[in-house]
Amino acid sequence: MRDVLKSHYKSIGKFTLVGVSNTAIDFLVFILLYEVFGIYYLVAHVCGFMVALCNSFYFNATWTFKRLDKEQWHKQAATYALVNAMGMVLSTLTIFVANFFVWVYAAKVLASLVSFVWNYCASSFFVFNKKSDESSQTE
């Protein structure tokens, strides 16, 4: 486990910075929709998540992993969207269940942590890894 962390520490740090900005965007949209417009909290959660997704793909592809394939970006974006859709499902289930036990904002923080772990692992291994780039070039 230590070797895995050592090999990923720079990208984990960058992913964390991108994640902080995405979380800020996500929370701002959530608060705006939930508090200001009175939209149901799960709908507000999904909307915030989706807005942050666009920011996330761009910065993770170009800065965190530096693996944006300019000719195949649409495939990367689709894979990234699928990975993040699963992250959204996990975080939505988390906020839904946690909301029975804690304040909605604490549930939102927990949901963000769950999606962070999932999204980093899946992005690193499935979307922006060198092996997937090499296999797409041999096709």
C-alpha atoms as a PDB file:
ATOM      1  CA  MET A   1       0.000   0.000   0.000  1.00  0.00           C
ATOM      2  CA  ARG A   2       2.858   2.368   0.826  1.00  0.00           C
ATOM      3  CA  ASP A   3       4.390   1.844  -2.658  1.00  0.00           C
ATOM      4  CA  VAL A   4       1.056   2.665  -4.288  1.00  0.00           C
ATOM      5  CA  LEU A   5       0.770   5.881  -2.288  1.00  0.00           C
ATOM      6  CA  LYS A   6       4.371   6.858  -3.119  1.00  0.00           C
ATOM      7  CA  SER A   7       3.791   6.337  -6.836  1.00  0.00           C
ATOM      8  CA  HIS A   8       0.624   8.433  -6.746  1.00  0.00           C
ATOM      9  CA  TYR A   9       1.408  11.163  -4.221  1.00  0.00           C
ATOM     10  CA  LYS A  10       1.799  13.995  -6.773  1.00  0.00           C
ATOM     11  CA  SER A  11      -1.338  13.100  -8.681  1.00  0.00           C
ATOM     12  CA  ILE A  12      -3.256  12.579  -5.420  1.00  0.00           C
ATOM     13  CA  GLY A  13      -2.188  16.074  -4.361  1.00  0.00           C
ATOM     14  CA  LYS A  14      -3.279  17.614  -7.656  1.00  0.00           C
ATOM     15  CA  PHE A  15      -6.485  15.567  -7.656  1.00  0.00           C
ATOM     16  CA  THR A  16      -7.143  16.894  -4.166  1.00  0.00           C
ATOM     17  CA  LEU A  17      -6.708  20.509  -5.309  1.00  0.00           C
ATOM     18  CA  VAL A  18      -8.990  19.950  -8.287  1.00  0.00           C
ATOM     19  CA  GLY A  19     -11.374  18.164  -5.955  1.00  0.00           C
ATOM     20  CA  VAL A  20     -11.420  21.105  -3.545  1.00  0.00           C
ATOM     21  CA  SER A  21     -12.369  23.471  -6.371  1.00  0.00           C
ATOM     22  CA  ASN A  22     -14.962  20.988  -7.633  1.00  0.00           C
ATOM     23  CA  THR A  23     -16.353  20.597  -4.145  1.00  0.00           C
ATOM     24  CA  ALA A  24     -16.619  24.377  -3.834  1.00  0.00           C
ATOM     25  CA  ILE A  25     -18.461  24.548  -7.164  1.00  0.00           C
ATOM     26  CA  ASP A  26     -20.648  21.601  -6.177  1.00  0.00           C
ATOM     27  CA  PHE A  27     -21.505  23.143  -2.794  1.00  0.00           C
ATOM     28  CA  LEU A  28     -22.181  26.587  -4.259  1.00  0.00           C
ATOM     29  CA  VAL A  29     -24.614  25.162  -6.810  1.00  0.00           C
ATOM     30  CA  PHE A  30     -26.167  22.945  -4.123  1.00  0.00           C
ATOM     31  CA  ILE A  31     -26.640  25.850  -1.691  1.00  0.00           C
ATOM     32  CA  LEU A  32     -27.988  28.103  -4.409  1.00  0.00           C
ATOM     33  CA  LEU A  33     -30.528  25.537  -5.600  1.00  0.00           C
ATOM     34  CA  TYR A  34     -31.449  24.142  -2.172  1.00  0.00           C
ATOM     35  CA  GLU A  35     -31.427  27.254  -0.004  1.00  0.00           C
ATOM     36  CA  VAL A  36     -32.247  30.040  -2.455  1.00  0.00           C
ATOM     37  CA  PHE A  37     -34.569  28.284  -4.894  1.00  0.00           C
ATOM     38  CA  GLY A  38     -35.939  25.618  -2.537  1.00  0.00           C
ATOM     39  CA  ILE A  39     -35.180  22.730  -4.868  1.00  0.00           C
ATOM     40  CA  TYR A  40     -35.346  19.223  -3.365  1.00  0.00           C
ATOM     41  CA  TYR A  41     -31.964  18.358  -1.837  1.00  0.00           C
ATOM     42  CA  LEU A  42     -31.300  15.285  -3.996  1.00  0.00           C
ATOM     43  CA  VAL A  43     -32.013  17.219  -7.208  1.00  0.00           C
ATOM     44  CA  ALA A  44     -29.795  20.076  -5.989  1.00  0.00           C
ATOM     45  CA  HIS A  45     -27.080  17.525  -5.165  1.00  0.00           C
ATOM     46  CA  VAL A  46     -27.149  15.977  -8.641  1.00  0.00           C
ATOM     47  CA  CYS A  47     -27.109  19.407 -10.334  1.00  0.00           C
ATOM     48  CA  GLY A  48     -24.126  20.568  -8.301  1.00  0.00           C
ATOM     49  CA  PHE A  49     -22.314  17.332  -9.015  1.00  0.00           C
ATOM     50  CA  MET A  50     -22.868  17.652 -12.762  1.00  0.00           C
ATOM     51  CA  VAL A  51     -21.645  21.260 -12.941  1.00  0.00           C
ATOM     52  CA  ALA A  52     -18.479  20.310 -11.058  1.00  0.00           C
ATOM     53  CA  LEU A  53     -17.968  17.319 -13.384  1.00  0.00           C
ATOM     54  CA  CYS A  54     -17.153  19.581 -16.353  1.00  0.00           C
ATOM     55  CA  ASN A  55     -14.509  21.457 -14.372  1.00  0.00           C
ATOM     56  CA  SER A  56     -13.169  18.183 -13.023  1.00  0.00           C
ATOM     57  CA  PHE A  57     -12.654  16.511 -16.406  1.00  0.00           C
ATOM     58  CA  TYR A  58     -10.794  19.456 -17.878  1.00  0.00           C
ATOM     59  CA  PHE A  59      -8.366  19.968 -14.989  1.00  0.00           C
ATOM     60  CA  ASN A  60      -7.790  16.286 -14.270  1.00  0.00           C
ATOM     61  CA  ALA A  61      -7.142  15.530 -17.940  1.00  0.00           C
ATOM     62  CA  THR A  62      -4.821  18.472 -18.540  1.00  0.00           C
ATOM     63  CA  TRP A  63      -3.130  19.001 -15.178  1.00  0.00           C
ATOM     64  CA  THR A  64      -3.546  16.160 -12.661  1.00  0.00           C
ATOM     65  CA  PHE A  65      -2.872  13.194 -14.927  1.00  0.00           C
ATOM     66  CA  LYS A  66      -1.662  15.110 -18.029  1.00  0.00           C
ATOM     67  CA  ARG A  67      -3.259  12.434 -20.169  1.00  0.00           C
ATOM     68  CA  LEU A  68      -5.707  14.318 -22.386  1.00  0.00           C
ATOM     69  CA  ASP A  69      -5.742  12.542 -25.736  1.00  0.00           C
ATOM     70  CA  LYS A  70      -6.599  15.323 -28.165  1.00  0.00           C
ATOM     71  CA  GLU A  71      -7.751  12.855 -30.819  1.00  0.00           C
ATOM     72  CA  GLN A  72      -9.683  10.591 -28.438  1.00  0.00           C
ATOM     73  CA  TRP A  73     -10.829  13.134 -25.854  1.00  0.00           C
ATOM     74  CA  HIS A  74     -14.484  12.315 -26.477  1.00  0.00           C
ATOM     75  CA  LYS A  75     -13.857   8.676 -25.483  1.00  0.00           C
ATOM     76  CA  GLN A  76     -11.975   9.809 -22.398  1.00  0.00           C
ATOM     77  CA  ALA A  77     -14.775  12.223 -21.548  1.00  0.00           C
ATOM     78  CA  ALA A  78     -17.383   9.478 -21.966  1.00  0.00           C
ATOM     79  CA  THR A  79     -15.392   7.087 -19.766  1.00  0.00           C
ATOM     80  CA  TYR A  80     -14.829   9.867 -17.237  1.00  0.00           C
ATOM     81  CA  ALA A  81     -18.546  10.650 -17.248  1.00  0.00           C
ATOM     82  CA  LEU A  82     -19.365   6.963 -16.615  1.00  0.00           C
ATOM     83  CA  VAL A  83     -16.820   6.768 -13.789  1.00  0.00           C
ATOM     84  CA  ASN A  84     -18.243   9.937 -12.274  1.00  0.00           C
ATOM     85  CA  ALA A  85     -21.812   8.747 -12.797  1.00  0.00           C
ATOM     86  CA  MET A  86     -20.957   5.813 -10.555  1.00  0.00           C
ATOM     87  CA  GLY A  87     -19.377   8.292  -8.128  1.00  0.00           C
ATOM     88  CA  MET A  88     -22.578  10.320  -8.249  1.00  0.00           C
ATOM     89  CA  VAL A  89     -24.658   7.210  -7.511  1.00  0.00           C
ATOM     90  CA  LEU A  90     -22.408   6.353  -4.568  1.00  0.00           C
ATOM     91  CA  SER A  91     -22.473   9.914  -3.237  1.00  0.00           C
ATOM     92  CA  THR A  92     -26.236  10.239  -3.739  1.00  0.00           C
ATOM     93  CA  LEU A  93     -26.836   7.005  -1.827  1.00  0.00           C
ATOM     94  CA  THR A  94     -24.470   8.257   0.857  1.00  0.00           C
ATOM     95  CA  ILE A  95     -26.216  11.621   1.257  1.00  0.00           C
ATOM     96  CA  PHE A  96     -29.626   9.941   1.213  1.00  0.00           C
ATOM     97  CA  VAL A  97     -28.742   7.430   3.951  1.00  0.00           C
ATOM     98  CA  ALA A  98     -26.593   9.813   6.002  1.00  0.00           C
ATOM     99  CA  ASN A  99     -29.333  12.455   5.985  1.00  0.00           C
ATOM    100  CA  PHE A 100     -31.343  10.188   8.295  1.00  0.00           C
ATOM    101  CA  PHE A 101     -28.579  10.409  10.899  1.00  0.00           C
ATOM    102  CA  VAL A 102     -26.855  13.772  10.480  1.00  0.00           C
ATOM    103  CA  TRP A 103     -27.482  17.330   9.297  1.00  0.00           C
ATOM    104  CA  VAL A 104     -27.846  17.585   5.491  1.00  0.00           C
ATOM    105  CA  TYR A 105     -24.540  19.464   5.136  1.00  0.00           C
ATOM    106  CA  ALA A 106     -22.644  16.841   7.119  1.00  0.00           C
ATOM    107  CA  ALA A 107     -24.238  14.223   4.859  1.00  0.00           C
ATOM    108  CA  LYS A 108     -23.077  16.241   1.841  1.00  0.00           C
ATOM    109  CA  VAL A 109     -19.483  16.303   3.176  1.00  0.00           C
ATOM    110  CA  LEU A 110     -19.542  12.536   3.723  1.00  0.00           C
ATOM    111  CA  ALA A 111     -20.935  12.045   0.204  1.00  0.00           C
ATOM    112  CA  SER A 112     -18.099  14.184  -1.184  1.00  0.00           C
ATOM    113  CA  LEU A 113     -15.498  12.037   0.587  1.00  0.00           C
ATOM    114  CA  VAL A 114     -17.013   8.827  -0.773  1.00  0.00           C
ATOM    115  CA  SER A 115     -17.035  10.168  -4.323  1.00  0.00           C
ATOM    116  CA  PHE A 116     -13.461  11.509  -3.941  1.00  0.00           C
ATOM    117  CA  VAL A 117     -12.053   8.066  -3.148  1.00  0.00           C
ATOM    118  CA  TRP A 118     -14.034   6.361  -5.908  1.00  0.00           C
ATOM    119  CA  ASN A 119     -13.287   9.021  -8.535  1.00  0.00           C
ATOM    120  CA  TYR A 120      -9.534   9.132  -7.893  1.00  0.00           C
ATOM    121  CA  CYS A 121      -9.117   5.377  -8.054  1.00  0.00           C
ATOM    122  CA  ALA A 122     -11.309   4.942 -11.113  1.00  0.00           C
ATOM    123  CA  SER A 123      -9.826   7.963 -12.926  1.00  0.00           C
ATOM    124  CA  SER A 124      -6.295   6.838 -12.256  1.00  0.00           C
ATOM    125  CA  PHE A 125      -6.823   3.232 -13.286  1.00  0.00           C
ATOM    126  CA  PHE A 126      -9.498   3.423 -15.997  1.00  0.00           C
ATOM    127  CA  VAL A 127      -9.569   6.877 -17.587  1.00  0.00           C
ATOM    128  CA  PHE A 128      -6.125   8.459 -17.508  1.00  0.00           C
ATOM    129  CA  ASN A 129      -3.730   5.524 -17.270  1.00  0.00           C
ATOM    130  CA  LYS A 130      -0.937   4.841 -19.731  1.00  0.00           C
ATOM    131  CA  LYS A 131      -2.070   1.280 -20.418  1.00  0.00           C
ATOM    132  CA  SER A 132      -5.468   2.378 -21.723  1.00  0.00           C
ATOM    133  CA  ASP A 133      -3.727   4.943 -23.976  1.00  0.00           C
ATOM    134  CA  GLU A 134      -1.343   2.311 -25.337  1.00  0.00           C
ATOM    135  CA  SER A 135      -4.118  -0.199 -26.000  1.00  0.00           C
ATOM    136  CA  SER A 136      -6.204   2.395 -27.870  1.00  0.00           C
ATOM    137  CA  GLN A 137      -3.191   3.195 -30.102  1.00  0.00           C
ATOM    138  CA  THR A 138      -2.785  -0.463 -31.109  1.00  0.00           C
ATOM    139  CA  GLU A 139      -6.409  -0.780 -32.227  1.00  0.00           C
END
